Each structure stands twice: as C-alpha cells, then as structure tokens.
Amino acid sequence: MPHSKATARKLLSPRERVLFDHSRGEALASLDRRRLRTRLESARRLRSKYRDLHRRQQLSARRRGAAEDESNRRTRAKEEIFADVVERLEKRLKKLDA
C-alpha cells in the first residue's frame, strides 16, 4: 500500500525522508543509473532493517502475551514504506536498462 508524503514525514528520520523523496516524481526521473543503484541499495537495507525489527518486536510481544503496540505498528509502517520505495526504484531501474 503506497504511503503518503505526510505519513512518511511523521515516521521517517530526515535521512530516510530524503531517500523516500528521491523515489518519487521528478526526483526519481532525474536519477542516473549509478545514483539509482545506490538509492536502491540503501532502500533495501532499510527495508530489511525494519522487517527484522518488526519480527523481533512481534516475537517479544507474543512472549509477553501482549498485543501489537504503537512502536511495532510504526515499525511495520516503515517496513511498508521502504518496500514501496524499493519497488519504485526497481521499476525505474528496469526502464533505464530497457
């Protein structure tokens, strides 16, 4: 599910927001192949980071017998945001390689 810029601004750090912004619109279209690959690598690392953190938080909550808390929901949202970023960057790279 694509996330809005407003949602991303609430959840992401300033450096993460820059990456998010570079994956959209004119900024994405202006990236050359080298910069696009660099951004894609960063986005994949962040997606993995938040996916792994989300899993650890889920396991911890399950052990405590607790429901999903706010921090876990935020982590899941960040994971989804970076999954979307990776998808957009990969699509753009495919177009450049075609």
N, C-alpha and C. Protein backbone atom coordinates (compact mmCIF):
# COMPACT_ATOMS: atom_id res chain seq x y z
N MET A 1 0.84 -1.18 0.00
CA MET A 1 0.00 0.00 0.00
C MET A 1 0.89 1.24 0.00
N PRO A 2 0.76 2.09 -1.00
CA PRO A 2 1.56 3.31 -1.04
C PRO A 2 1.22 4.24 0.12
N HIS A 3 2.26 4.84 0.66
CA HIS A 3 2.09 5.77 1.78
C HIS A 3 2.24 7.20 1.29
N SER A 4 1.50 8.09 1.91
CA SER A 4 1.56 9.49 1.52
C SER A 4 2.83 10.14 2.06
N LYS A 5 3.15 11.27 1.48
CA LYS A 5 4.32 12.03 1.91
C LYS A 5 4.14 12.48 3.36
N ALA A 6 2.92 12.84 3.74
CA ALA A 6 2.64 13.28 5.12
C ALA A 6 2.89 12.16 6.11
N THR A 7 2.47 10.96 5.78
CA THR A 7 2.71 9.81 6.66
C THR A 7 4.20 9.55 6.79
N ALA A 8 4.90 9.59 5.67
CA ALA A 8 6.34 9.35 5.69
C ALA A 8 7.05 10.40 6.53
N ARG A 9 6.64 11.64 6.42
CA ARG A 9 7.28 12.71 7.19
C ARG A 9 7.12 12.48 8.69
N LYS A 10 6.00 11.92 9.12
CA LYS A 10 5.76 11.66 10.54
C LYS A 10 6.64 10.52 11.06
N LEU A 11 6.89 9.54 10.21
CA LEU A 11 7.55 8.31 10.66
C LEU A 11 9.05 8.28 10.43
N LEU A 12 9.53 8.90 9.37
CA LEU A 12 10.91 8.71 8.95
C LEU A 12 11.85 9.78 9.50
N SER A 13 13.10 9.38 9.64
CA SER A 13 14.14 10.33 10.03
C SER A 13 14.44 11.23 8.83
N PRO A 14 15.14 12.34 9.05
CA PRO A 14 15.46 13.22 7.91
C PRO A 14 16.21 12.51 6.78
N ARG A 15 17.16 11.65 7.09
CA ARG A 15 17.90 10.93 6.05
C ARG A 15 16.99 9.95 5.31
N GLU A 16 16.11 9.29 6.05
CA GLU A 16 15.17 8.36 5.43
C GLU A 16 14.20 9.10 4.52
N ARG A 17 13.79 10.29 4.95
CA ARG A 17 12.87 11.10 4.14
C ARG A 17 13.49 11.49 2.81
N VAL A 18 14.79 11.79 2.82
CA VAL A 18 15.48 12.14 1.57
C VAL A 18 15.39 10.96 0.60
N LEU A 19 15.64 9.78 1.09
CA LEU A 19 15.55 8.58 0.25
C LEU A 19 14.12 8.40 -0.26
N PHE A 20 13.15 8.58 0.61
CA PHE A 20 11.74 8.48 0.22
C PHE A 20 11.43 9.49 -0.88
N ASP A 21 11.87 10.73 -0.69
CA ASP A 21 11.60 11.78 -1.67
C ASP A 21 12.26 11.50 -3.01
N HIS A 22 13.46 10.89 -3.00
CA HIS A 22 14.16 10.56 -4.24
C HIS A 22 13.50 9.42 -4.99
N SER A 23 12.56 8.76 -4.38
CA SER A 23 11.89 7.63 -5.04
C SER A 23 10.57 8.04 -5.69
N ARG A 24 10.33 9.35 -5.75
CA ARG A 24 9.05 9.82 -6.27
C ARG A 24 9.25 10.91 -7.32
N GLY A 25 8.32 10.97 -8.25
CA GLY A 25 8.19 12.06 -9.20
C GLY A 25 9.45 12.45 -9.97
N GLU A 26 9.65 13.76 -10.05
CA GLU A 26 10.76 14.30 -10.83
C GLU A 26 12.12 13.88 -10.27
N ALA A 27 12.21 13.78 -8.96
CA ALA A 27 13.48 13.37 -8.35
C ALA A 27 13.88 11.98 -8.84
N LEU A 28 12.92 11.08 -8.92
CA LEU A 28 13.18 9.73 -9.40
C LEU A 28 13.59 9.75 -10.87
N ALA A 29 12.88 10.54 -11.66
CA ALA A 29 13.16 10.61 -13.09
C ALA A 29 14.54 11.20 -13.37
N SER A 30 15.05 12.04 -12.47
CA SER A 30 16.33 12.70 -12.71
C SER A 30 17.54 11.87 -12.27
N LEU A 31 17.32 10.75 -11.58
CA LEU A 31 18.44 9.93 -11.12
C LEU A 31 19.10 9.18 -12.28
N ASP A 32 20.42 9.23 -12.32
CA ASP A 32 21.11 8.41 -13.31
C ASP A 32 21.24 6.98 -12.76
N ARG A 33 21.72 6.09 -13.59
CA ARG A 33 21.79 4.67 -13.24
C ARG A 33 22.61 4.43 -11.97
N ARG A 34 23.75 5.08 -11.83
CA ARG A 34 24.62 4.89 -10.67
C ARG A 34 23.94 5.34 -9.38
N ARG A 35 23.36 6.53 -9.40
CA ARG A 35 22.68 7.04 -8.21
C ARG A 35 21.45 6.22 -7.87
N LEU A 36 20.76 5.77 -8.89
CA LEU A 36 19.59 4.93 -8.69
C LEU A 36 19.97 3.63 -7.98
N ARG A 37 21.06 3.01 -8.41
CA ARG A 37 21.51 1.77 -7.77
C ARG A 37 21.91 2.01 -6.32
N THR A 38 22.57 3.15 -6.07
CA THR A 38 22.96 3.49 -4.69
C THR A 38 21.73 3.67 -3.82
N ARG A 39 20.73 4.37 -4.31
CA ARG A 39 19.49 4.58 -3.55
C ARG A 39 18.77 3.26 -3.32
N LEU A 40 18.77 2.41 -4.34
CA LEU A 40 18.11 1.11 -4.23
C LEU A 40 18.79 0.25 -3.16
N GLU A 41 20.10 0.27 -3.13
CA GLU A 41 20.84 -0.47 -2.10
C GLU A 41 20.47 0.02 -0.70
N SER A 42 20.42 1.33 -0.53
CA SER A 42 20.06 1.92 0.76
C SER A 42 18.63 1.56 1.16
N ALA A 43 17.73 1.64 0.20
CA ALA A 43 16.32 1.32 0.48
C ALA A 43 16.17 -0.15 0.88
N ARG A 44 16.89 -1.03 0.21
CA ARG A 44 16.82 -2.46 0.55
C ARG A 44 17.35 -2.70 1.97
N ARG A 45 18.44 -2.03 2.32
CA ARG A 45 18.98 -2.17 3.68
C ARG A 45 17.97 -1.71 4.72
N LEU A 46 17.32 -0.57 4.47
CA LEU A 46 16.34 -0.06 5.43
C LEU A 46 15.10 -0.96 5.50
N ARG A 47 14.66 -1.46 4.35
CA ARG A 47 13.52 -2.38 4.35
C ARG A 47 13.85 -3.62 5.19
N SER A 48 15.03 -4.16 5.01
CA SER A 48 15.45 -5.34 5.78
C SER A 48 15.56 -5.01 7.27
N LYS A 49 16.11 -3.87 7.56
CA LYS A 49 16.26 -3.44 8.96
C LYS A 49 14.90 -3.40 9.66
N TYR A 50 13.93 -2.74 9.03
CA TYR A 50 12.63 -2.61 9.67
C TYR A 50 11.83 -3.90 9.64
N ARG A 51 12.04 -4.73 8.62
CA ARG A 51 11.37 -6.04 8.58
C ARG A 51 11.87 -6.91 9.74
N ASP A 52 13.20 -6.93 9.94
CA ASP A 52 13.78 -7.73 11.02
C ASP A 52 13.37 -7.19 12.39
N LEU A 53 13.38 -5.88 12.54
CA LEU A 53 12.97 -5.28 13.81
C LEU A 53 11.50 -5.59 14.10
N HIS A 54 10.66 -5.51 13.08
CA HIS A 54 9.24 -5.82 13.25
C HIS A 54 9.05 -7.26 13.72
N ARG A 55 9.79 -8.18 13.13
CA ARG A 55 9.70 -9.59 13.54
C ARG A 55 10.13 -9.78 15.00
N ARG A 56 11.24 -9.12 15.37
CA ARG A 56 11.70 -9.23 16.76
C ARG A 56 10.67 -8.65 17.73
N GLN A 57 10.07 -7.53 17.35
CA GLN A 57 9.05 -6.92 18.21
C GLN A 57 7.83 -7.82 18.32
N GLN A 58 7.45 -8.46 17.24
CA GLN A 58 6.31 -9.38 17.27
C GLN A 58 6.59 -10.55 18.21
N LEU A 59 7.78 -11.12 18.09
CA LEU A 59 8.13 -12.25 18.95
C LEU A 59 8.16 -11.83 20.42
N SER A 60 8.71 -10.68 20.69
CA SER A 60 8.78 -10.17 22.05
C SER A 60 7.38 -9.95 22.62
N ALA A 61 6.51 -9.37 21.82
CA ALA A 61 5.13 -9.12 22.28
C ALA A 61 4.41 -10.45 22.52
N ARG A 62 4.64 -11.40 21.64
CA ARG A 62 4.00 -12.71 21.78
C ARG A 62 4.43 -13.40 23.07
N ARG A 63 5.74 -13.29 23.37
CA ARG A 63 6.25 -13.90 24.61
C ARG A 63 5.65 -13.25 25.84
N ARG A 64 5.42 -11.95 25.77
CA ARG A 64 4.83 -11.23 26.90
C ARG A 64 3.32 -11.41 26.95
N GLY A 65 2.77 -11.96 25.88
CA GLY A 65 1.32 -12.12 25.82
C GLY A 65 0.62 -10.81 25.55
N ALA A 66 1.34 -9.86 24.97
CA ALA A 66 0.78 -8.53 24.71
C ALA A 66 0.34 -8.42 23.26
N ALA A 67 -0.54 -7.49 23.03
CA ALA A 67 -0.97 -7.18 21.66
C ALA A 67 0.09 -6.29 21.01
N GLU A 68 -0.05 -6.11 19.72
CA GLU A 68 0.88 -5.23 19.00
C GLU A 68 0.77 -3.81 19.56
N ASP A 69 1.90 -3.22 19.90
CA ASP A 69 1.87 -1.87 20.46
C ASP A 69 2.22 -0.84 19.39
N GLU A 70 2.19 0.42 19.77
CA GLU A 70 2.39 1.53 18.84
C GLU A 70 3.75 1.47 18.15
N SER A 71 4.79 1.16 18.90
CA SER A 71 6.12 1.13 18.28
C SER A 71 6.19 0.04 17.21
N ASN A 72 5.53 -1.07 17.44
CA ASN A 72 5.52 -2.13 16.44
C ASN A 72 4.72 -1.72 15.21
N ARG A 73 3.64 -1.00 15.40
CA ARG A 73 2.85 -0.52 14.25
C ARG A 73 3.68 0.47 13.43
N ARG A 74 4.43 1.34 14.12
CA ARG A 74 5.27 2.29 13.41
C ARG A 74 6.37 1.56 12.63
N THR A 75 6.95 0.55 13.24
CA THR A 75 8.00 -0.22 12.56
C THR A 75 7.43 -0.92 11.33
N ARG A 76 6.24 -1.49 11.46
CA ARG A 76 5.59 -2.16 10.33
C ARG A 76 5.33 -1.15 9.21
N ALA A 77 4.88 0.06 9.58
CA ALA A 77 4.62 1.10 8.58
C ALA A 77 5.92 1.50 7.86
N LYS A 78 7.01 1.60 8.60
CA LYS A 78 8.30 1.93 7.98
C LYS A 78 8.73 0.82 7.02
N GLU A 79 8.53 -0.41 7.43
CA GLU A 79 8.85 -1.54 6.55
C GLU A 79 8.06 -1.43 5.25
N GLU A 80 6.78 -1.12 5.34
CA GLU A 80 5.92 -0.99 4.17
C GLU A 80 6.36 0.18 3.29
N ILE A 81 6.73 1.29 3.93
CA ILE A 81 7.19 2.46 3.17
C ILE A 81 8.42 2.10 2.35
N PHE A 82 9.39 1.44 2.98
CA PHE A 82 10.61 1.10 2.25
C PHE A 82 10.40 -0.02 1.24
N ALA A 83 9.43 -0.87 1.45
CA ALA A 83 9.08 -1.87 0.42
C ALA A 83 8.55 -1.14 -0.82
N ASP A 84 7.74 -0.10 -0.61
CA ASP A 84 7.23 0.71 -1.72
C ASP A 84 8.37 1.45 -2.42
N VAL A 85 9.29 1.99 -1.64
CA VAL A 85 10.43 2.71 -2.21
C VAL A 85 11.26 1.76 -3.08
N VAL A 86 11.55 0.58 -2.56
CA VAL A 86 12.32 -0.41 -3.33
C VAL A 86 11.59 -0.74 -4.63
N GLU A 87 10.31 -0.93 -4.56
CA GLU A 87 9.52 -1.27 -5.74
C GLU A 87 9.61 -0.16 -6.79
N ARG A 88 9.46 1.10 -6.37
CA ARG A 88 9.54 2.22 -7.31
C ARG A 88 10.93 2.33 -7.94
N LEU A 89 11.95 2.18 -7.12
CA LEU A 89 13.32 2.28 -7.63
C LEU A 89 13.63 1.14 -8.59
N GLU A 90 13.17 -0.07 -8.28
CA GLU A 90 13.41 -1.21 -9.17
C GLU A 90 12.71 -1.02 -10.51
N LYS A 91 11.48 -0.49 -10.48
CA LYS A 91 10.75 -0.23 -11.74
C LYS A 91 11.50 0.78 -12.59
N ARG A 92 12.00 1.83 -11.95
CA ARG A 92 12.74 2.86 -12.69
C ARG A 92 14.03 2.28 -13.27
N LEU A 93 14.73 1.46 -12.51
CA LEU A 93 15.96 0.86 -13.00
C LEU A 93 15.68 -0.05 -14.20
N LYS A 94 14.59 -0.80 -14.15
CA LYS A 94 14.22 -1.64 -15.28
C LYS A 94 13.99 -0.81 -16.54
N LYS A 95 13.33 0.34 -16.36
CA LYS A 95 13.09 1.22 -17.51
C LYS A 95 14.39 1.74 -18.08
N LEU A 96 15.33 2.09 -17.21
CA LEU A 96 16.62 2.60 -17.69
C LEU A 96 17.42 1.50 -18.39
N ASP A 97 17.29 0.28 -17.92
CA ASP A 97 18.04 -0.83 -18.50
C ASP A 97 17.42 -1.35 -19.81
N ALA A 98 16.17 -0.98 -20.04
CA ALA A 98 15.47 -1.47 -21.25
C ALA A 98 15.93 -0.76 -22.51
